[in-house]
Amino acid sequence: MRRFTGGVRRTDRKPRFDLIPFEFLESVAEVLARGAARYGPYNWKRGQKDFFLDAWNHAFVHLQKFKEGDRSEDHLAHLACNVAFMVWAVKNGIILQEDFDART
């Protein structure tokens, strides 16, 4: 419990968005802005289970291209976007962890 001047109290249990590096957020925002211009804002949210499962493959492609030194685009930002899409889909019940097990 955190106490503020005047006696106000608030729990400390909350996400710490201030700990996320701005450079990370900026890189992801740039990728999402380009995607919004090309496909429309929030186009990725219209994806179904197969789209979000395919994000797994796209994430690994970007990881590999980064490891190989490819500089054609910001591969780490694209990787982060694909992971963000999967996190969103799992938290919204579109895909389950078990869906990934079934693909093996």
C-alpha atoms as a PDB file:
ATOM      1  CA  MET A   1       0.000   0.000   0.000  1.00  0.00           C
ATOM      2  CA  ARG A   2       1.341   3.407  -0.977  1.00  0.00           C
ATOM      3  CA  ARG A   3       0.464   6.506   1.068  1.00  0.00           C
ATOM      4  CA  PHE A   4       0.300   9.963  -0.475  1.00  0.00           C
ATOM      5  CA  THR A   5       0.287  13.430   1.045  1.00  0.00           C
ATOM      6  CA  GLY A   6      -3.069  14.135   2.635  1.00  0.00           C
ATOM      7  CA  GLY A   7      -3.587  10.521   3.683  1.00  0.00           C
ATOM      8  CA  VAL A   8      -4.661   9.120   0.297  1.00  0.00           C
ATOM      9  CA  ARG A   9      -3.724   5.477  -0.133  1.00  0.00           C
ATOM     10  CA  ARG A  10      -3.449   3.307  -3.205  1.00  0.00           C
ATOM     11  CA  THR A  11      -2.275  -0.223  -3.852  1.00  0.00           C
ATOM     12  CA  ASP A  12       1.097  -0.592  -5.563  1.00  0.00           C
ATOM     13  CA  ARG A  13      -0.065  -3.611  -7.549  1.00  0.00           C
ATOM     14  CA  LYS A  14      -0.488  -2.269 -11.062  1.00  0.00           C
ATOM     15  CA  PRO A  15       1.339  -2.600 -14.359  1.00  0.00           C
ATOM     16  CA  ARG A  16       4.430  -0.403 -14.555  1.00  0.00           C
ATOM     17  CA  PHE A  17       4.108   1.112 -18.020  1.00  0.00           C
ATOM     18  CA  ASP A  18       6.839   3.576 -17.095  1.00  0.00           C
ATOM     19  CA  LEU A  19       9.326   0.702 -17.168  1.00  0.00           C
ATOM     20  CA  ILE A  20       8.774  -0.041 -20.867  1.00  0.00           C
ATOM     21  CA  PRO A  21      11.572   1.571 -22.907  1.00  0.00           C
ATOM     22  CA  PHE A  22      10.266   4.378 -25.089  1.00  0.00           C
ATOM     23  CA  GLU A  23      12.404   3.120 -27.988  1.00  0.00           C
ATOM     24  CA  PHE A  24      10.508  -0.177 -27.880  1.00  0.00           C
ATOM     25  CA  LEU A  25       7.120   1.548 -27.926  1.00  0.00           C
ATOM     26  CA  GLU A  26       8.207   3.901 -30.700  1.00  0.00           C
ATOM     27  CA  SER A  27       9.466   1.044 -32.894  1.00  0.00           C
ATOM     28  CA  VAL A  28       6.257  -0.947 -32.443  1.00  0.00           C
ATOM     29  CA  ALA A  29       4.134   2.156 -33.066  1.00  0.00           C
ATOM     30  CA  GLU A  30       6.010   2.820 -36.326  1.00  0.00           C
ATOM     31  CA  VAL A  31       5.350  -0.714 -37.582  1.00  0.00           C
ATOM     32  CA  LEU A  32       1.689  -0.501 -36.583  1.00  0.00           C
ATOM     33  CA  ALA A  33       1.337   2.912 -38.284  1.00  0.00           C
ATOM     34  CA  ARG A  34       2.698   1.502 -41.553  1.00  0.00           C
ATOM     35  CA  GLY A  35       0.363  -1.469 -41.230  1.00  0.00           C
ATOM     36  CA  ALA A  36      -2.604   0.827 -40.549  1.00  0.00           C
ATOM     37  CA  ALA A  37      -1.800   2.888 -43.653  1.00  0.00           C
ATOM     38  CA  ARG A  38      -1.562  -0.227 -45.803  1.00  0.00           C
ATOM     39  CA  TYR A  39      -4.306  -2.461 -44.358  1.00  0.00           C
ATOM     40  CA  GLY A  40      -6.401  -0.129 -42.196  1.00  0.00           C
ATOM     41  CA  PRO A  41      -6.245   0.599 -38.474  1.00  0.00           C
ATOM     42  CA  TYR A  42      -6.714  -2.450 -36.273  1.00  0.00           C
ATOM     43  CA  ASN A  43      -6.917  -4.737 -39.305  1.00  0.00           C
ATOM     44  CA  TRP A  44      -5.092  -7.405 -37.270  1.00  0.00           C
ATOM     45  CA  LYS A  45      -7.978  -7.513 -34.774  1.00  0.00           C
ATOM     46  CA  ARG A  46     -10.226  -8.951 -37.482  1.00  0.00           C
ATOM     47  CA  GLY A  47      -7.987 -11.998 -37.719  1.00  0.00           C
ATOM     48  CA  GLN A  48      -9.281 -15.407 -36.756  1.00  0.00           C
ATOM     49  CA  LYS A  49      -7.465 -18.231 -34.997  1.00  0.00           C
ATOM     50  CA  ASP A  50      -5.420 -19.154 -38.094  1.00  0.00           C
ATOM     51  CA  PHE A  51      -4.126 -15.576 -38.434  1.00  0.00           C
ATOM     52  CA  PHE A  52      -2.916 -15.461 -34.843  1.00  0.00           C
ATOM     53  CA  LEU A  53      -1.354 -18.913 -35.035  1.00  0.00           C
ATOM     54  CA  ASP A  54       0.456 -17.773 -38.186  1.00  0.00           C
ATOM     55  CA  ALA A  55       1.811 -14.781 -36.240  1.00  0.00           C
ATOM     56  CA  TRP A  56       4.013 -17.338 -34.455  1.00  0.00           C
ATOM     57  CA  ASN A  57       5.728 -18.172 -37.764  1.00  0.00           C
ATOM     58  CA  HIS A  58       6.082 -14.523 -38.743  1.00  0.00           C
ATOM     59  CA  ALA A  59       7.663 -13.767 -35.371  1.00  0.00           C
ATOM     60  CA  PHE A  60      10.306 -16.429 -35.932  1.00  0.00           C
ATOM     61  CA  VAL A  61      10.999 -15.250 -39.491  1.00  0.00           C
ATOM     62  CA  HIS A  62      11.721 -11.755 -38.174  1.00  0.00           C
ATOM     63  CA  LEU A  63      13.886 -13.152 -35.382  1.00  0.00           C
ATOM     64  CA  GLN A  64      15.912 -15.163 -37.879  1.00  0.00           C
ATOM     65  CA  LYS A  65      16.262 -12.262 -40.310  1.00  0.00           C
ATOM     66  CA  PHE A  66      17.519 -10.084 -37.459  1.00  0.00           C
ATOM     67  CA  LYS A  67      20.031 -12.771 -36.449  1.00  0.00           C
ATOM     68  CA  GLU A  68      21.238 -12.976 -40.058  1.00  0.00           C
ATOM     69  CA  GLY A  69      21.870  -9.233 -40.129  1.00  0.00           C
ATOM     70  CA  ASP A  70      19.112  -8.335 -42.600  1.00  0.00           C
ATOM     71  CA  ARG A  71      18.507  -4.585 -42.365  1.00  0.00           C
ATOM     72  CA  SER A  72      15.649  -4.304 -44.860  1.00  0.00           C
ATOM     73  CA  GLU A  73      13.210  -3.461 -42.049  1.00  0.00           C
ATOM     74  CA  ASP A  74      13.068  -3.244 -38.258  1.00  0.00           C
ATOM     75  CA  HIS A  75      12.774  -6.991 -37.656  1.00  0.00           C
ATOM     76  CA  LEU A  76      12.722  -6.729 -33.865  1.00  0.00           C
ATOM     77  CA  ALA A  77       9.780  -4.309 -34.027  1.00  0.00           C
ATOM     78  CA  HIS A  78       7.945  -6.679 -36.391  1.00  0.00           C
ATOM     79  CA  LEU A  79       8.726  -9.540 -34.024  1.00  0.00           C
ATOM     80  CA  ALA A  80       7.308  -7.510 -31.126  1.00  0.00           C
ATOM     81  CA  CYS A  81       4.132  -6.723 -33.086  1.00  0.00           C
ATOM     82  CA  ASN A  82       3.515 -10.392 -33.838  1.00  0.00           C
ATOM     83  CA  VAL A  83       4.054 -11.280 -30.186  1.00  0.00           C
ATOM     84  CA  ALA A  84       1.697  -8.447 -29.175  1.00  0.00           C
ATOM     85  CA  PHE A  85      -0.942  -9.813 -31.546  1.00  0.00           C
ATOM     86  CA  MET A  86      -0.604 -13.270 -29.980  1.00  0.00           C
ATOM     87  CA  VAL A  87      -0.793 -11.876 -26.431  1.00  0.00           C
ATOM     88  CA  TRP A  88      -3.954  -9.968 -27.367  1.00  0.00           C
ATOM     89  CA  ALA A  89      -5.499 -13.045 -28.994  1.00  0.00           C
ATOM     90  CA  VAL A  90      -4.753 -15.261 -25.976  1.00  0.00           C
ATOM     91  CA  LYS A  91      -6.074 -12.692 -23.488  1.00  0.00           C
ATOM     92  CA  ASN A  92      -9.236 -12.326 -25.571  1.00  0.00           C
ATOM     93  CA  GLY A  93      -9.810 -16.077 -25.910  1.00  0.00           C
ATOM     94  CA  ILE A  94      -9.238 -16.267 -29.667  1.00  0.00           C
ATOM     95  CA  ILE A  95      -6.357 -18.698 -29.285  1.00  0.00           C
ATOM     96  CA  LEU A  96      -5.271 -20.893 -26.412  1.00  0.00           C
ATOM     97  CA  GLN A  97      -1.839 -22.146 -25.492  1.00  0.00           C
ATOM     98  CA  GLU A  98      -3.096 -25.627 -26.386  1.00  0.00           C
ATOM     99  CA  ASP A  99      -3.699 -24.438 -29.976  1.00  0.00           C
ATOM    100  CA  PHE A 100       0.067 -24.233 -30.390  1.00  0.00           C
ATOM    101  CA  ASP A 101       0.526 -27.787 -29.067  1.00  0.00           C
ATOM    102  CA  ALA A 102      -1.846 -29.121 -31.717  1.00  0.00           C
ATOM    103  CA  ARG A 103       0.320 -27.783 -34.536  1.00  0.00           C
ATOM    104  CA  THR A 104       3.285 -30.021 -33.723  1.00  0.00           C
END
